[in-house]
Amino acid sequence: MAEHPLFQSAQTAQTSLAAETVFAEHGVVSRTLFATASTRVVLFAFAEGQTLSEHSTPRDVLVQMLSGRCEFTVNGQPHTLTAGDLLHLPPGAAHAVNATEKFSMLLTLSKV
């Protein structure tokens, strides 16, 4: 499936993250907002109870919580995140997500 980011690197654009956030009743919805060879920005919306099993990425990760609450487990260490929180994961960090309530986040992946 081809990815169609909302923003293109050669253009100036604006959007409302609240308006772009779409929740599914029992699922996880993601939307790539921006993608280049070195950076990817993805908007996620999780229904309460949804999870992502443990995984890792070779990129730096920044998680910016927009709404709600979740638990991010990083290298076995739990982190409770709420709206306004920012979490950095170094490359290769094993992490998992549990939506303790409905939440949305902005995920930025950066390659050095």
N, C-alpha and C. Protein backbone atom coordinates (compact mmCIF):
# COMPACT_ATOMS: atom_id res chain seq x y z
N MET A 1 0.84 -1.18 0.00
CA MET A 1 0.00 0.00 0.00
C MET A 1 0.89 1.24 0.00
N ALA A 2 0.69 2.15 -0.91
CA ALA A 2 1.50 3.35 -1.02
C ALA A 2 1.16 4.33 0.09
N GLU A 3 2.19 4.94 0.62
CA GLU A 3 2.01 5.93 1.68
C GLU A 3 1.83 7.30 1.04
N HIS A 4 0.85 8.05 1.50
CA HIS A 4 0.59 9.39 0.99
C HIS A 4 0.58 10.38 2.15
N PRO A 5 1.79 10.88 2.52
CA PRO A 5 1.87 11.81 3.64
C PRO A 5 1.05 13.07 3.38
N LEU A 6 0.54 13.65 4.46
CA LEU A 6 -0.23 14.87 4.37
C LEU A 6 0.63 16.04 3.90
N PHE A 7 1.86 16.12 4.42
CA PHE A 7 2.77 17.23 4.09
C PHE A 7 3.87 16.75 3.16
N GLN A 8 4.26 17.61 2.23
CA GLN A 8 5.37 17.35 1.32
C GLN A 8 6.53 18.28 1.72
N SER A 9 7.75 17.80 1.63
CA SER A 9 8.90 18.57 2.13
C SER A 9 9.12 19.88 1.38
N ALA A 10 8.66 20.01 0.15
CA ALA A 10 8.89 21.23 -0.63
C ALA A 10 7.77 22.26 -0.48
N GLN A 11 6.78 21.96 0.37
CA GLN A 11 5.63 22.86 0.49
C GLN A 11 5.40 23.29 1.93
N THR A 12 4.87 24.49 2.10
CA THR A 12 4.41 24.96 3.40
C THR A 12 2.95 24.58 3.52
N ALA A 13 2.59 24.01 4.68
CA ALA A 13 1.20 23.59 4.88
C ALA A 13 0.88 23.64 6.36
N GLN A 14 -0.40 23.69 6.66
CA GLN A 14 -0.88 23.74 8.04
C GLN A 14 -2.09 22.83 8.18
N THR A 15 -2.25 22.24 9.36
CA THR A 15 -3.43 21.44 9.64
C THR A 15 -3.70 21.47 11.14
N SER A 16 -4.84 21.01 11.53
CA SER A 16 -5.21 20.85 12.93
C SER A 16 -5.01 19.39 13.30
N LEU A 17 -4.16 19.10 14.28
CA LEU A 17 -3.97 17.72 14.69
C LEU A 17 -5.26 17.12 15.23
N ALA A 18 -6.04 17.92 15.94
CA ALA A 18 -7.32 17.44 16.46
C ALA A 18 -8.25 17.02 15.31
N ALA A 19 -8.26 17.81 14.25
CA ALA A 19 -9.12 17.49 13.11
C ALA A 19 -8.61 16.26 12.35
N GLU A 20 -7.32 16.03 12.33
CA GLU A 20 -6.72 14.89 11.63
C GLU A 20 -6.83 13.59 12.42
N THR A 21 -7.07 13.68 13.74
CA THR A 21 -7.11 12.50 14.59
C THR A 21 -8.45 11.77 14.43
N VAL A 22 -8.38 10.51 14.02
CA VAL A 22 -9.57 9.69 13.81
C VAL A 22 -9.45 8.46 14.71
N PHE A 23 -10.42 8.27 15.58
CA PHE A 23 -10.45 7.11 16.46
C PHE A 23 -11.35 6.04 15.88
N ALA A 24 -10.92 4.78 15.98
CA ALA A 24 -11.77 3.63 15.64
C ALA A 24 -12.31 3.10 16.96
N GLU A 25 -13.52 2.55 16.94
CA GLU A 25 -14.15 2.09 18.17
C GLU A 25 -13.32 1.03 18.89
N HIS A 26 -12.71 0.12 18.14
CA HIS A 26 -11.92 -0.97 18.73
C HIS A 26 -10.65 -1.18 17.94
N GLY A 27 -9.82 -0.16 17.82
CA GLY A 27 -8.62 -0.34 17.03
C GLY A 27 -7.63 0.78 17.18
N VAL A 28 -6.66 0.75 16.30
CA VAL A 28 -5.60 1.75 16.23
C VAL A 28 -5.63 2.34 14.84
N VAL A 29 -5.65 3.66 14.75
CA VAL A 29 -5.64 4.34 13.46
C VAL A 29 -4.35 5.15 13.38
N SER A 30 -3.64 5.03 12.28
CA SER A 30 -2.42 5.82 12.09
C SER A 30 -2.48 6.56 10.77
N ARG A 31 -1.86 7.72 10.76
CA ARG A 31 -1.81 8.55 9.54
C ARG A 31 -0.43 9.17 9.45
N THR A 32 0.30 8.89 8.38
CA THR A 32 1.60 9.51 8.17
C THR A 32 1.39 10.95 7.73
N LEU A 33 1.95 11.87 8.49
CA LEU A 33 1.81 13.29 8.18
C LEU A 33 2.96 13.80 7.35
N PHE A 34 4.15 13.23 7.56
CA PHE A 34 5.34 13.72 6.88
C PHE A 34 6.34 12.58 6.76
N ALA A 35 6.99 12.47 5.62
CA ALA A 35 7.98 11.41 5.44
C ALA A 35 9.07 11.85 4.47
N THR A 36 10.31 11.71 4.92
CA THR A 36 11.48 11.92 4.06
C THR A 36 12.42 10.74 4.33
N ALA A 37 13.57 10.75 3.70
CA ALA A 37 14.54 9.67 3.92
C ALA A 37 15.02 9.62 5.37
N SER A 38 15.01 10.75 6.07
CA SER A 38 15.55 10.79 7.43
C SER A 38 14.51 10.98 8.53
N THR A 39 13.29 11.39 8.19
CA THR A 39 12.29 11.72 9.21
C THR A 39 10.92 11.20 8.80
N ARG A 40 10.20 10.69 9.79
CA ARG A 40 8.82 10.27 9.56
C ARG A 40 8.00 10.71 10.75
N VAL A 41 6.84 11.34 10.50
CA VAL A 41 5.95 11.80 11.56
C VAL A 41 4.59 11.14 11.34
N VAL A 42 4.13 10.43 12.39
CA VAL A 42 2.90 9.65 12.29
C VAL A 42 1.96 10.03 13.43
N LEU A 43 0.71 10.27 13.10
CA LEU A 43 -0.33 10.55 14.07
C LEU A 43 -1.05 9.24 14.38
N PHE A 44 -1.13 8.87 15.66
CA PHE A 44 -1.78 7.64 16.09
C PHE A 44 -2.97 7.96 16.98
N ALA A 45 -4.03 7.16 16.86
CA ALA A 45 -5.20 7.23 17.73
C ALA A 45 -5.53 5.80 18.16
N PHE A 46 -5.51 5.55 19.46
CA PHE A 46 -5.74 4.23 20.03
C PHE A 46 -7.06 4.21 20.78
N ALA A 47 -7.87 3.19 20.57
CA ALA A 47 -9.04 2.96 21.40
C ALA A 47 -8.56 2.37 22.73
N GLU A 48 -9.32 2.58 23.79
CA GLU A 48 -8.97 2.03 25.09
C GLU A 48 -8.81 0.51 24.98
N GLY A 49 -7.75 0.01 25.61
CA GLY A 49 -7.50 -1.43 25.62
C GLY A 49 -6.64 -1.95 24.49
N GLN A 50 -6.39 -1.13 23.49
CA GLN A 50 -5.57 -1.56 22.36
C GLN A 50 -4.09 -1.60 22.77
N THR A 51 -3.34 -2.48 22.14
CA THR A 51 -1.92 -2.62 22.45
C THR A 51 -1.09 -2.74 21.18
N LEU A 52 0.17 -2.43 21.32
CA LEU A 52 1.18 -2.77 20.30
C LEU A 52 2.20 -3.63 21.02
N SER A 53 2.46 -4.81 20.49
CA SER A 53 3.42 -5.71 21.13
C SER A 53 4.83 -5.15 21.03
N GLU A 54 5.71 -5.69 21.84
CA GLU A 54 7.08 -5.18 21.90
C GLU A 54 7.76 -5.27 20.54
N HIS A 55 8.43 -4.19 20.20
CA HIS A 55 9.16 -4.09 18.93
C HIS A 55 10.24 -3.04 19.11
N SER A 56 11.04 -2.82 18.08
CA SER A 56 12.09 -1.79 18.13
C SER A 56 12.29 -1.21 16.74
N THR A 57 13.02 -0.12 16.69
CA THR A 57 13.35 0.53 15.42
C THR A 57 14.79 1.03 15.51
N PRO A 58 15.49 1.09 14.39
CA PRO A 58 16.87 1.59 14.41
C PRO A 58 16.94 3.13 14.45
N ARG A 59 15.80 3.79 14.61
CA ARG A 59 15.75 5.25 14.62
C ARG A 59 15.53 5.80 16.02
N ASP A 60 15.89 7.07 16.21
CA ASP A 60 15.47 7.80 17.40
C ASP A 60 13.96 7.98 17.31
N VAL A 61 13.28 7.90 18.44
CA VAL A 61 11.83 8.05 18.47
C VAL A 61 11.46 9.11 19.50
N LEU A 62 10.59 10.02 19.12
CA LEU A 62 9.98 10.97 20.05
C LEU A 62 8.49 10.73 20.04
N VAL A 63 7.92 10.52 21.23
CA VAL A 63 6.48 10.33 21.40
C VAL A 63 5.94 11.58 22.07
N GLN A 64 5.02 12.26 21.43
CA GLN A 64 4.37 13.44 22.00
C GLN A 64 2.91 13.09 22.22
N MET A 65 2.50 13.03 23.47
CA MET A 65 1.12 12.69 23.81
C MET A 65 0.22 13.89 23.56
N LEU A 66 -0.86 13.66 22.82
CA LEU A 66 -1.80 14.72 22.49
C LEU A 66 -3.05 14.68 23.37
N SER A 67 -3.53 13.47 23.66
CA SER A 67 -4.72 13.33 24.49
C SER A 67 -4.70 11.97 25.18
N GLY A 68 -5.45 11.85 26.27
CA GLY A 68 -5.63 10.57 26.93
C GLY A 68 -4.45 10.11 27.74
N ARG A 69 -4.39 8.78 27.93
CA ARG A 69 -3.37 8.16 28.78
C ARG A 69 -2.98 6.79 28.21
N CYS A 70 -1.68 6.47 28.33
CA CYS A 70 -1.21 5.15 27.93
C CYS A 70 -0.02 4.75 28.77
N GLU A 71 0.36 3.48 28.63
CA GLU A 71 1.59 3.02 29.26
C GLU A 71 2.53 2.56 28.16
N PHE A 72 3.70 3.18 28.12
CA PHE A 72 4.76 2.81 27.21
C PHE A 72 5.77 2.03 28.03
N THR A 73 6.07 0.83 27.63
CA THR A 73 7.12 0.06 28.29
C THR A 73 8.35 0.12 27.40
N VAL A 74 9.46 0.62 27.96
CA VAL A 74 10.69 0.78 27.20
C VAL A 74 11.79 -0.02 27.91
N ASN A 75 12.33 -1.00 27.20
CA ASN A 75 13.36 -1.88 27.78
C ASN A 75 12.92 -2.41 29.14
N GLY A 76 11.65 -2.80 29.24
CA GLY A 76 11.11 -3.37 30.46
C GLY A 76 10.67 -2.38 31.52
N GLN A 77 10.91 -1.09 31.30
CA GLN A 77 10.57 -0.04 32.27
C GLN A 77 9.26 0.64 31.85
N PRO A 78 8.22 0.61 32.71
CA PRO A 78 6.95 1.25 32.35
C PRO A 78 7.00 2.77 32.51
N HIS A 79 6.35 3.46 31.58
CA HIS A 79 6.23 4.92 31.61
C HIS A 79 4.77 5.26 31.37
N THR A 80 4.11 5.86 32.35
CA THR A 80 2.73 6.31 32.16
C THR A 80 2.79 7.69 31.52
N LEU A 81 2.13 7.83 30.37
CA LEU A 81 2.14 9.09 29.63
C LEU A 81 0.74 9.67 29.56
N THR A 82 0.64 10.99 29.69
CA THR A 82 -0.63 11.71 29.55
C THR A 82 -0.42 12.89 28.61
N ALA A 83 -1.51 13.53 28.23
CA ALA A 83 -1.46 14.66 27.29
C ALA A 83 -0.40 15.67 27.72
N GLY A 84 0.44 16.06 26.78
CA GLY A 84 1.50 17.02 27.03
C GLY A 84 2.85 16.40 27.32
N ASP A 85 2.89 15.09 27.58
CA ASP A 85 4.16 14.42 27.87
C ASP A 85 4.94 14.16 26.59
N LEU A 86 6.26 14.11 26.75
CA LEU A 86 7.17 13.82 25.65
C LEU A 86 8.11 12.73 26.12
N LEU A 87 8.29 11.70 25.32
CA LEU A 87 9.15 10.57 25.66
C LEU A 87 10.12 10.32 24.51
N HIS A 88 11.42 10.19 24.83
CA HIS A 88 12.43 9.86 23.83
C HIS A 88 12.83 8.40 24.00
N LEU A 89 12.95 7.69 22.89
CA LEU A 89 13.45 6.32 22.86
C LEU A 89 14.68 6.31 21.98
N PRO A 90 15.81 5.82 22.49
CA PRO A 90 17.00 5.74 21.64
C PRO A 90 16.86 4.63 20.61
N PRO A 91 17.66 4.67 19.55
CA PRO A 91 17.59 3.62 18.54
C PRO A 91 17.77 2.24 19.17
N GLY A 92 16.95 1.30 18.73
CA GLY A 92 17.05 -0.07 19.20
C GLY A 92 16.32 -0.37 20.49
N ALA A 93 15.74 0.63 21.14
CA ALA A 93 15.04 0.39 22.41
C ALA A 93 13.79 -0.46 22.17
N ALA A 94 13.67 -1.55 22.90
CA ALA A 94 12.48 -2.40 22.80
C ALA A 94 11.34 -1.68 23.51
N HIS A 95 10.19 -1.57 22.84
CA HIS A 95 9.07 -0.85 23.44
C HIS A 95 7.74 -1.47 23.04
N ALA A 96 6.75 -1.27 23.94
CA ALA A 96 5.39 -1.75 23.72
C ALA A 96 4.45 -0.67 24.23
N VAL A 97 3.21 -0.71 23.77
CA VAL A 97 2.22 0.31 24.13
C VAL A 97 0.94 -0.36 24.59
N ASN A 98 0.35 0.19 25.67
CA ASN A 98 -0.95 -0.26 26.16
C ASN A 98 -1.82 0.97 26.38
N ALA A 99 -2.95 1.03 25.71
CA ALA A 99 -3.88 2.16 25.85
C ALA A 99 -4.73 1.95 27.10
N THR A 100 -4.33 2.55 28.22
CA THR A 100 -5.10 2.43 29.45
C THR A 100 -6.40 3.22 29.36
N GLU A 101 -6.47 4.15 28.42
CA GLU A 101 -7.70 4.84 28.02
C GLU A 101 -7.49 5.29 26.58
N LYS A 102 -8.52 5.77 25.95
CA LYS A 102 -8.42 6.29 24.58
C LYS A 102 -7.34 7.39 24.58
N PHE A 103 -6.42 7.32 23.59
CA PHE A 103 -5.38 8.35 23.54
C PHE A 103 -4.92 8.59 22.11
N SER A 104 -4.26 9.74 21.92
CA SER A 104 -3.64 10.05 20.64
C SER A 104 -2.23 10.55 20.89
N MET A 105 -1.36 10.28 19.92
CA MET A 105 0.04 10.70 20.05
C MET A 105 0.60 11.02 18.67
N LEU A 106 1.62 11.82 18.69
CA LEU A 106 2.41 12.13 17.50
C LEU A 106 3.74 11.43 17.66
N LEU A 107 4.10 10.59 16.72
CA LEU A 107 5.33 9.82 16.77
C LEU A 107 6.28 10.35 15.70
N THR A 108 7.47 10.73 16.12
CA THR A 108 8.48 11.22 15.18
C THR A 108 9.66 10.26 15.20
N LEU A 109 9.99 9.71 14.03
CA LEU A 109 11.13 8.82 13.87
C LEU A 109 12.20 9.57 13.10
N SER A 110 13.41 9.57 13.63
CA SER A 110 14.50 10.32 13.03
C SER A 110 15.72 9.45 12.84
N LYS A 111 16.26 9.46 11.63
CA LYS A 111 17.47 8.70 11.31
C LYS A 111 18.65 9.66 11.29
N VAL A 112 19.70 9.29 11.99
CA VAL A 112 20.89 10.15 12.05
C VAL A 112 21.73 9.95 10.81
